[in-house]
């Protein structure tokens, strides 16, 4: 963090990529009319695993006091979503072929701006808005991981009854743009439709310094 003046702070943060190794069990239910599919040992219950490559991020944030009571904040975050090219599930059964879902996600830039207003020495009000574009293109939209640009609007407050205690409460609504899917597969048929979504987030935090 760099502080060129008492009223201005500039922060830069980086989070490394993460690779997760996931293991579980695959359970298959094969109807009697399709028993021929299991003649060579396929579609039988077995162990399964997947490697999930999660992205690294780089964020730049600015805090600027306009007067002793009002401050504005802003940030931009780059997310390296292009690490996520496919979702591949491997099976312990050697004759069971991998299940592969192409993803081909794109890198994104998220932008946010907000304001803090100190009503008094004890009470501070906060609000902000963030635009977070989806890394998923329509061509690769799936029901497993549907995409949609998101706009987040939040409100909150901090109350400090004493030097030792601080209470924070916040509410955010996430508006998710509708997204469309049109995928065809020789084994799974054709899936067409729209995804709609929205999220409400409520947070409460209590801090005690001693």
Protein backbone atom coordinates (compact mmCIF):
# COMPACT_ATOMS: atom_id res chain seq x y z
CA UNK A 1 0.00 0.00 0.00
CA UNK A 2 1.25 3.48 -0.92
CA UNK A 3 0.05 6.59 0.93
CA UNK A 4 1.06 9.74 -1.00
CA UNK A 5 -0.89 11.93 1.45
CA UNK A 6 -3.03 11.64 4.57
CA UNK A 7 -6.17 11.67 2.41
CA UNK A 8 -5.05 9.28 -0.33
CA UNK A 9 -4.16 5.58 -0.26
CA UNK A 10 -3.34 3.30 -3.19
CA UNK A 11 -3.25 -0.47 -2.75
CA UNK A 12 -2.08 -3.29 -5.01
CA UNK A 13 -2.72 -6.96 -4.22
CA UNK A 14 -2.05 -10.26 -5.96
CA UNK A 15 -3.47 -13.70 -5.21
CA UNK A 16 -1.74 -16.73 -6.67
CA UNK A 17 -3.54 -19.41 -8.73
CA UNK A 18 -4.86 -22.50 -6.98
CA UNK A 19 -5.08 -26.06 -8.28
CA UNK A 20 -7.60 -28.29 -6.54
CA UNK A 21 -7.53 -32.09 -6.75
CA UNK A 22 -11.06 -33.38 -6.28
CA UNK A 23 -11.99 -37.01 -5.64
CA UNK A 24 -15.36 -38.73 -5.33
CA UNK A 25 -17.50 -41.59 -6.51
CA UNK A 26 -19.35 -42.04 -9.79
CA UNK A 27 -22.65 -43.92 -9.54
CA UNK A 28 -24.31 -45.11 -12.75
CA UNK A 29 -27.91 -46.24 -13.13
CA UNK A 30 -28.34 -48.21 -16.35
CA UNK A 31 -31.89 -49.23 -17.40
CA UNK A 32 -32.48 -52.82 -18.45
CA UNK A 33 -33.00 -51.78 -22.06
CA UNK A 34 -29.45 -50.40 -22.17
CA UNK A 35 -27.60 -53.24 -20.44
CA UNK A 36 -25.53 -53.75 -23.58
CA UNK A 37 -23.63 -50.58 -22.64
CA UNK A 38 -22.08 -52.39 -19.66
CA UNK A 39 -21.00 -55.48 -21.61
CA UNK A 40 -17.37 -54.30 -21.65
CA UNK A 41 -17.42 -53.05 -18.08
CA UNK A 42 -18.42 -49.46 -18.82
CA UNK A 43 -20.95 -47.45 -16.79
CA UNK A 44 -20.29 -49.33 -13.56
CA UNK A 45 -19.84 -47.62 -10.21
CA UNK A 46 -16.26 -46.46 -9.72
CA UNK A 47 -14.07 -43.79 -8.18
CA UNK A 48 -13.62 -40.47 -10.01
CA UNK A 49 -11.28 -37.49 -9.86
CA UNK A 50 -10.87 -34.05 -11.39
CA UNK A 51 -8.29 -31.27 -11.38
CA UNK A 52 -9.72 -27.77 -11.11
CA UNK A 53 -7.48 -24.85 -12.07
CA UNK A 54 -8.64 -21.69 -10.29
CA UNK A 55 -7.29 -18.32 -11.44
CA UNK A 56 -4.86 -15.81 -10.01
CA UNK A 57 -6.07 -12.23 -9.52
CA UNK A 58 -4.50 -8.77 -9.52
CA UNK A 59 -6.31 -5.82 -7.89
CA UNK A 60 -5.66 -2.09 -7.80
CA UNK A 61 -7.64 0.00 -5.27
CA UNK A 62 -7.76 3.73 -4.46
CA UNK A 63 -9.13 5.49 -1.36
CA UNK A 64 -9.60 9.26 -1.50
CA UNK A 65 -10.98 11.51 1.24
CA UNK A 66 -12.91 14.46 -0.18
CA UNK A 67 -13.47 16.01 3.26
CA UNK A 68 -13.27 14.82 6.88
CA UNK A 69 -16.62 13.01 6.53
CA UNK A 70 -16.79 11.79 2.91
CA UNK A 71 -14.44 9.42 1.08
CA UNK A 72 -14.70 7.63 -2.24
CA UNK A 73 -13.17 4.27 -3.06
CA UNK A 74 -12.62 2.43 -6.30
CA UNK A 75 -10.99 -0.74 -7.52
CA UNK A 76 -10.31 -2.76 -10.65
CA UNK A 77 -9.51 -6.49 -10.54
CA UNK A 78 -8.10 -8.67 -13.31
CA UNK A 79 -8.93 -12.38 -13.04
CA UNK A 80 -7.01 -14.95 -15.05
CA UNK A 81 -10.00 -17.12 -15.93
CA UNK A 82 -8.31 -18.39 -19.09
CA UNK A 83 -6.65 -21.02 -16.85
CA UNK A 84 -10.02 -22.79 -16.87
CA UNK A 85 -10.17 -24.40 -20.31
CA UNK A 86 -12.02 -27.62 -19.55
CA UNK A 87 -13.70 -29.64 -16.83
CA UNK A 88 -12.38 -33.20 -17.12
CA UNK A 89 -13.52 -36.06 -14.90
CA UNK A 90 -11.33 -39.18 -14.89
CA UNK A 91 -12.59 -42.55 -13.69
CA UNK A 92 -10.72 -45.29 -11.83
CA UNK A 93 -12.42 -47.81 -14.13
CA UNK A 94 -9.85 -48.17 -16.96
CA UNK A 95 -12.50 -48.84 -19.63
CA UNK A 96 -14.60 -45.80 -18.69
CA UNK A 97 -13.71 -42.84 -20.93
CA UNK A 98 -13.10 -39.41 -19.42
CA UNK A 99 -16.00 -36.98 -19.27
CA UNK A 100 -14.81 -33.70 -20.77
CA UNK A 101 -16.72 -30.42 -20.77
CA UNK A 102 -14.98 -27.65 -22.78
CA UNK A 103 -15.11 -24.33 -20.91
CA UNK A 104 -12.65 -21.96 -22.63
CA UNK A 105 -13.29 -19.12 -20.18
CA UNK A 106 -11.91 -15.64 -20.86
CA UNK A 107 -9.98 -13.29 -18.57
CA UNK A 108 -12.14 -10.57 -17.01
CA UNK A 109 -11.82 -7.08 -15.50
CA UNK A 110 -14.11 -6.21 -12.59
CA UNK A 111 -14.78 -2.53 -11.75
CA UNK A 112 -16.16 -1.12 -8.52
CA UNK A 113 -16.77 2.28 -6.95
CA UNK A 114 -18.17 3.26 -3.56
CA UNK A 115 -18.43 5.91 -0.88
CA UNK A 116 -18.03 6.12 2.90
CA UNK A 117 -19.82 8.82 4.87
CA UNK A 118 -19.05 9.42 8.55
CA UNK A 119 -22.29 10.54 10.18
CA UNK A 120 -20.45 10.86 13.48
CA UNK A 121 -17.33 9.57 15.15
CA UNK A 122 -19.23 6.36 15.93
CA UNK A 123 -21.37 5.77 12.83
CA UNK A 124 -20.20 5.39 9.21
CA UNK A 125 -22.47 4.62 6.25
CA UNK A 126 -21.25 2.87 3.11
CA UNK A 127 -22.55 2.14 -0.38
CA UNK A 128 -21.10 0.95 -3.65
CA UNK A 129 -21.65 -0.66 -7.03
CA UNK A 130 -19.55 -3.24 -8.89
CA UNK A 131 -19.70 -4.55 -12.46
CA UNK A 132 -18.35 -8.09 -12.82
CA UNK A 133 -18.49 -9.45 -16.41
CA UNK A 134 -18.89 -13.16 -16.98
CA UNK A 135 -15.88 -15.14 -18.24
CA UNK A 136 -18.26 -17.49 -20.10
CA UNK A 137 -19.14 -16.93 -23.74
CA UNK A 138 -22.52 -18.02 -25.08
CA UNK A 139 -20.88 -20.74 -27.18
CA UNK A 140 -19.59 -22.51 -24.06
CA UNK A 141 -22.45 -21.75 -21.67
CA UNK A 142 -23.43 -24.90 -19.76
CA UNK A 143 -26.10 -25.85 -17.19
CA UNK A 144 -23.31 -27.01 -14.88
CA UNK A 145 -21.59 -23.59 -14.79
CA UNK A 146 -23.89 -21.03 -16.43
CA UNK A 147 -22.51 -17.56 -17.08
CA UNK A 148 -24.01 -14.08 -16.90
CA UNK A 149 -22.66 -10.59 -16.32
CA UNK A 150 -23.22 -9.45 -12.73
CA UNK A 151 -23.91 -6.05 -11.20
CA UNK A 152 -23.59 -5.79 -7.42
CA UNK A 153 -25.17 -2.98 -5.39
CA UNK A 154 -24.48 -2.84 -1.68
CA UNK A 155 -25.26 -0.82 1.44
CA UNK A 156 -23.77 -1.05 4.89
CA UNK A 157 -22.88 0.65 8.13
CA UNK A 158 -20.22 0.53 10.84
CA UNK A 159 -20.98 1.44 14.44
CA UNK A 160 -18.32 1.82 17.12
CA UNK A 161 -19.88 2.13 20.60
CA UNK A 162 -16.44 2.19 22.21
CA UNK A 163 -12.77 2.06 21.28
CA UNK A 164 -12.79 -1.72 21.74
CA UNK A 165 -15.97 -2.75 19.91
CA UNK A 166 -17.00 -2.30 16.31
CA UNK A 167 -20.14 -3.60 14.57
CA UNK A 168 -20.44 -3.90 10.78
CA UNK A 169 -23.54 -4.84 8.83
CA UNK A 170 -24.02 -4.97 5.08
CA UNK A 171 -26.48 -6.01 2.39
CA UNK A 172 -25.69 -6.68 -1.26
CA UNK A 173 -27.96 -7.66 -4.13
CA UNK A 174 -26.38 -9.33 -7.15
CA UNK A 175 -28.19 -8.75 -10.44
CA UNK A 176 -27.28 -11.53 -12.90
CA UNK A 177 -27.96 -10.95 -16.58
CA UNK A 178 -29.97 -13.65 -18.31
CA UNK A 179 -27.88 -16.03 -20.40
CA UNK A 180 -28.79 -18.41 -23.21
CA UNK A 181 -27.74 -21.99 -23.89
CA UNK A 182 -27.92 -23.99 -27.12
CA UNK A 183 -25.80 -27.14 -26.99
CA UNK A 184 -26.01 -30.35 -29.00
CA UNK A 185 -24.31 -33.68 -28.35
CA UNK A 186 -24.51 -37.08 -30.04
CA UNK A 187 -24.89 -38.73 -26.62
CA UNK A 188 -26.82 -36.14 -24.61
CA UNK A 189 -29.11 -34.64 -27.25
CA UNK A 190 -29.88 -30.92 -27.57
CA UNK A 191 -30.41 -28.48 -24.71
CA UNK A 192 -31.86 -25.03 -25.32
CA UNK A 193 -32.97 -22.52 -22.73
CA UNK A 194 -32.33 -19.42 -20.64
CA UNK A 195 -30.79 -18.95 -17.22
CA UNK A 196 -32.06 -16.36 -14.77
CA UNK A 197 -30.49 -15.60 -11.43
CA UNK A 198 -30.05 -13.21 -8.54
CA UNK A 199 -28.38 -13.31 -5.14
CA UNK A 200 -29.03 -11.55 -1.81
CA UNK A 201 -26.12 -11.35 0.64
CA UNK A 202 -26.36 -10.19 4.26
CA UNK A 203 -23.25 -9.90 6.42
CA UNK A 204 -22.70 -9.09 10.10
CA UNK A 205 -19.32 -8.68 11.78
CA UNK A 206 -18.33 -7.87 15.35
CA UNK A 207 -14.77 -6.81 16.20
CA UNK A 208 -13.30 -6.68 19.69
CA UNK A 209 -9.88 -5.19 20.23
CA UNK A 210 -7.98 -5.90 23.43
